[in-house]
Amino acid sequence: IYSKMPSLEELSEMNFRTAVIGFAFLTLTILFGVLWRKSVLPEVKHFDPQVIGAYLVWVIYGLMIYGKKIGRWTGKWLAYISISGFMVILLSILVIRIFTKSFHQFG
């Protein structure tokens, strides 16, 4: 089974490419969410726990992309950052589901 798996370098590149694609889509999602919220609920603040979690994930994956391209980070550090971003996603979903009444708590 190990002979059929890609090398660690290939896995690292696949992880980075998916992080870049996910970062681009998350950026668009945040942008469209801000624009939609301003048109539907102009008087309400944009910060609720779910949105703050999305911003935090955006920063983490942005740091990962920056580190790979500019900082020349490799392998293990990128994997740790990627895992931490995933953990923030899971924790934000779980914590928000447990402690809030609805998905978004605007206002």
C-alpha atoms as a PDB file:
ATOM      1  CA  ILE A   1       0.000   0.000   0.000  1.00  0.00           C
ATOM      2  CA  TYR A   2       2.916   2.384   0.702  1.00  0.00           C
ATOM      3  CA  SER A   3       4.331   1.984  -2.796  1.00  0.00           C
ATOM      4  CA  LYS A   4       1.112   3.393  -4.286  1.00  0.00           C
ATOM      5  CA  MET A   5       1.129   6.512  -2.095  1.00  0.00           C
ATOM      6  CA  PRO A   6       2.697   9.752  -3.304  1.00  0.00           C
ATOM      7  CA  SER A   7       5.919  11.004  -1.757  1.00  0.00           C
ATOM      8  CA  LEU A   8       5.923  13.452   1.147  1.00  0.00           C
ATOM      9  CA  GLU A   9       7.005  16.255  -1.188  1.00  0.00           C
ATOM     10  CA  GLU A  10       4.036  15.575  -3.468  1.00  0.00           C
ATOM     11  CA  LEU A  11       1.687  15.489  -0.481  1.00  0.00           C
ATOM     12  CA  SER A  12       3.111  18.779   0.747  1.00  0.00           C
ATOM     13  CA  GLU A  13       2.552  20.376  -2.671  1.00  0.00           C
ATOM     14  CA  MET A  14      -1.000  18.987  -2.818  1.00  0.00           C
ATOM     15  CA  ASN A  15      -1.668  20.414   0.651  1.00  0.00           C
ATOM     16  CA  PHE A  16      -0.328  23.811  -0.395  1.00  0.00           C
ATOM     17  CA  ARG A  17      -2.340  23.894  -3.632  1.00  0.00           C
ATOM     18  CA  THR A  18      -5.565  23.029  -1.836  1.00  0.00           C
ATOM     19  CA  ALA A  19      -4.787  25.668   0.813  1.00  0.00           C
ATOM     20  CA  VAL A  20      -4.346  28.297  -1.916  1.00  0.00           C
ATOM     21  CA  ILE A  21      -7.628  27.321  -3.575  1.00  0.00           C
ATOM     22  CA  GLY A  22      -9.444  27.256  -0.233  1.00  0.00           C
ATOM     23  CA  PHE A  23      -7.923  30.613   0.739  1.00  0.00           C
ATOM     24  CA  ALA A  24      -9.130  32.168  -2.509  1.00  0.00           C
ATOM     25  CA  PHE A  25     -12.658  30.841  -2.035  1.00  0.00           C
ATOM     26  CA  LEU A  26     -12.709  31.870   1.636  1.00  0.00           C
ATOM     27  CA  THR A  27     -11.597  35.367   0.631  1.00  0.00           C
ATOM     28  CA  LEU A  28     -14.451  35.590  -1.882  1.00  0.00           C
ATOM     29  CA  THR A  29     -16.904  34.207   0.658  1.00  0.00           C
ATOM     30  CA  ILE A  30     -15.894  36.741   3.293  1.00  0.00           C
ATOM     31  CA  LEU A  31     -16.070  39.570   0.763  1.00  0.00           C
ATOM     32  CA  PHE A  32     -19.519  38.541  -0.500  1.00  0.00           C
ATOM     33  CA  GLY A  33     -20.718  38.016   3.085  1.00  0.00           C
ATOM     34  CA  VAL A  34     -19.655  41.523   4.060  1.00  0.00           C
ATOM     35  CA  LEU A  35     -21.337  43.023   0.999  1.00  0.00           C
ATOM     36  CA  TRP A  36     -24.535  40.998   1.505  1.00  0.00           C
ATOM     37  CA  ARG A  37     -24.726  41.869   5.200  1.00  0.00           C
ATOM     38  CA  LYS A  38     -24.335  45.566   4.427  1.00  0.00           C
ATOM     39  CA  SER A  39     -27.221  45.447   1.957  1.00  0.00           C
ATOM     40  CA  VAL A  40     -29.574  43.397   4.143  1.00  0.00           C
ATOM     41  CA  LEU A  41     -28.639  44.485   7.683  1.00  0.00           C
ATOM     42  CA  PRO A  42     -26.845  47.852   7.373  1.00  0.00           C
ATOM     43  CA  GLU A  43     -27.236  48.804  11.034  1.00  0.00           C
ATOM     44  CA  VAL A  44     -25.852  45.560  12.483  1.00  0.00           C
ATOM     45  CA  LYS A  45     -22.186  45.008  13.300  1.00  0.00           C
ATOM     46  CA  HIS A  46     -20.406  42.305  11.342  1.00  0.00           C
ATOM     47  CA  PHE A  47     -18.642  40.603  14.226  1.00  0.00           C
ATOM     48  CA  ASP A  48     -20.153  37.457  15.631  1.00  0.00           C
ATOM     49  CA  PRO A  49     -18.348  34.287  16.770  1.00  0.00           C
ATOM     50  CA  GLN A  50     -18.683  32.459  13.456  1.00  0.00           C
ATOM     51  CA  VAL A  51     -17.392  35.403  11.438  1.00  0.00           C
ATOM     52  CA  ILE A  52     -14.476  35.931  13.819  1.00  0.00           C
ATOM     53  CA  GLY A  53     -13.624  32.232  13.412  1.00  0.00           C
ATOM     54  CA  ALA A  54     -13.667  32.634   9.628  1.00  0.00           C
ATOM     55  CA  TYR A  55     -11.344  35.626   9.894  1.00  0.00           C
ATOM     56  CA  LEU A  56      -8.988  33.638  12.120  1.00  0.00           C
ATOM     57  CA  VAL A  57      -8.913  30.728   9.654  1.00  0.00           C
ATOM     58  CA  TRP A  58      -8.297  33.203   6.830  1.00  0.00           C
ATOM     59  CA  VAL A  59      -5.307  34.643   8.718  1.00  0.00           C
ATOM     60  CA  ILE A  60      -3.884  31.192   9.504  1.00  0.00           C
ATOM     61  CA  TYR A  61      -4.049  29.974   5.918  1.00  0.00           C
ATOM     62  CA  GLY A  62      -2.779  33.344   4.681  1.00  0.00           C
ATOM     63  CA  LEU A  63       0.192  32.913   7.010  1.00  0.00           C
ATOM     64  CA  MET A  64       0.752  29.453   5.577  1.00  0.00           C
ATOM     65  CA  ILE A  65       0.760  30.762   2.001  1.00  0.00           C
ATOM     66  CA  TYR A  66       3.008  33.660   2.966  1.00  0.00           C
ATOM     67  CA  GLY A  67       5.403  31.331   4.764  1.00  0.00           C
ATOM     68  CA  LYS A  68       5.678  29.003   1.801  1.00  0.00           C
ATOM     69  CA  LYS A  69       6.179  31.705  -0.817  1.00  0.00           C
ATOM     70  CA  ILE A  70       8.090  34.435   1.026  1.00  0.00           C
ATOM     71  CA  GLY A  71       9.424  32.829   4.183  1.00  0.00           C
ATOM     72  CA  ARG A  72      10.547  29.644   2.447  1.00  0.00           C
ATOM     73  CA  TRP A  73       8.932  27.435   5.076  1.00  0.00           C
ATOM     74  CA  THR A  74       8.817  23.764   4.222  1.00  0.00           C
ATOM     75  CA  GLY A  75       7.278  20.466   5.153  1.00  0.00           C
ATOM     76  CA  LYS A  76       6.735  20.113   8.855  1.00  0.00           C
ATOM     77  CA  TRP A  77       5.957  23.783   9.640  1.00  0.00           C
ATOM     78  CA  LEU A  78       3.437  24.014   6.819  1.00  0.00           C
ATOM     79  CA  ALA A  79       1.789  20.818   8.001  1.00  0.00           C
ATOM     80  CA  TYR A  80       1.527  22.189  11.548  1.00  0.00           C
ATOM     81  CA  ILE A  81      -0.021  25.432  10.320  1.00  0.00           C
ATOM     82  CA  SER A  82      -2.439  23.557   8.084  1.00  0.00           C
ATOM     83  CA  ILE A  83      -3.505  21.303  10.947  1.00  0.00           C
ATOM     84  CA  SER A  84      -3.929  24.285  13.265  1.00  0.00           C
ATOM     85  CA  GLY A  85      -6.193  25.967  10.686  1.00  0.00           C
ATOM     86  CA  PHE A  86      -8.275  22.826  10.455  1.00  0.00           C
ATOM     87  CA  MET A  87      -8.485  22.600  14.249  1.00  0.00           C
ATOM     88  CA  VAL A  88      -9.676  26.222  14.450  1.00  0.00           C
ATOM     89  CA  ILE A  89     -12.404  25.379  11.937  1.00  0.00           C
ATOM     90  CA  LEU A  90     -13.536  22.362  13.959  1.00  0.00           C
ATOM     91  CA  LEU A  91     -13.343  24.129  17.313  1.00  0.00           C
ATOM     92  CA  SER A  92     -15.188  27.197  16.084  1.00  0.00           C
ATOM     93  CA  ILE A  93     -18.010  25.063  14.722  1.00  0.00           C
ATOM     94  CA  LEU A  94     -18.244  22.955  17.884  1.00  0.00           C
ATOM     95  CA  VAL A  95     -17.924  25.821  20.371  1.00  0.00           C
ATOM     96  CA  ILE A  96     -20.390  28.008  18.521  1.00  0.00           C
ATOM     97  CA  ARG A  97     -22.907  25.180  18.226  1.00  0.00           C
ATOM     98  CA  ILE A  98     -22.649  24.476  21.953  1.00  0.00           C
ATOM     99  CA  PHE A  99     -22.681  28.031  23.337  1.00  0.00           C
ATOM    100  CA  THR A 100     -24.915  29.971  20.937  1.00  0.00           C
ATOM    101  CA  LYS A 101     -28.568  29.645  20.040  1.00  0.00           C
ATOM    102  CA  SER A 102     -28.164  30.058  16.293  1.00  0.00           C
ATOM    103  CA  PHE A 103     -25.457  29.809  13.639  1.00  0.00           C
ATOM    104  CA  HIS A 104     -24.903  33.588  13.488  1.00  0.00           C
ATOM    105  CA  GLN A 105     -25.407  36.016  16.352  1.00  0.00           C
ATOM    106  CA  PHE A 106     -25.425  39.433  14.717  1.00  0.00           C
ATOM    107  CA  GLY A 107     -25.807  42.431  16.972  1.00  0.00           C
END
